[in-house]
Amino acid sequence: MLLALVTGTVVASAKSERTDGLKMLILQPLDLEGRPKGSYLVAFDAIGAGEGEVVLYVTGSSARQTERTEGKPTDATIFAIVDTWDVGGVVKYEKGNPHDE
């Protein structure tokens, strides 16, 4: 499981029929302090996430383990919207806190 910020969407008018109905979102991976790390990626959204939200995503075969993505051609899937996280008892992110966004 990895943390990321949803930064945008991807629309593809020509794509595999097996992915019809799946929204594609652009993610910026985050470190445990909430800072951007690594390259952007595109993931299928299995839960209704939106731009500006912090999410948990999985890659590889785990990306095909949600109800919406089972058997689909995906290598990255969003499966949770983060409300809060802490490290060593220190809150690093809390949804809706303007200092974290």
Foldseek 3Di string as FASTA:
>chain_A
DFKWAFAAWDDDPDDDPLCPPWTKTKTFTADPLRHGDDDIDIATEPDDDDHGFMFDKAADPVSLPDPSRPPHPGGMYTDGTDQWDDDPPHTNDHPPPVVND
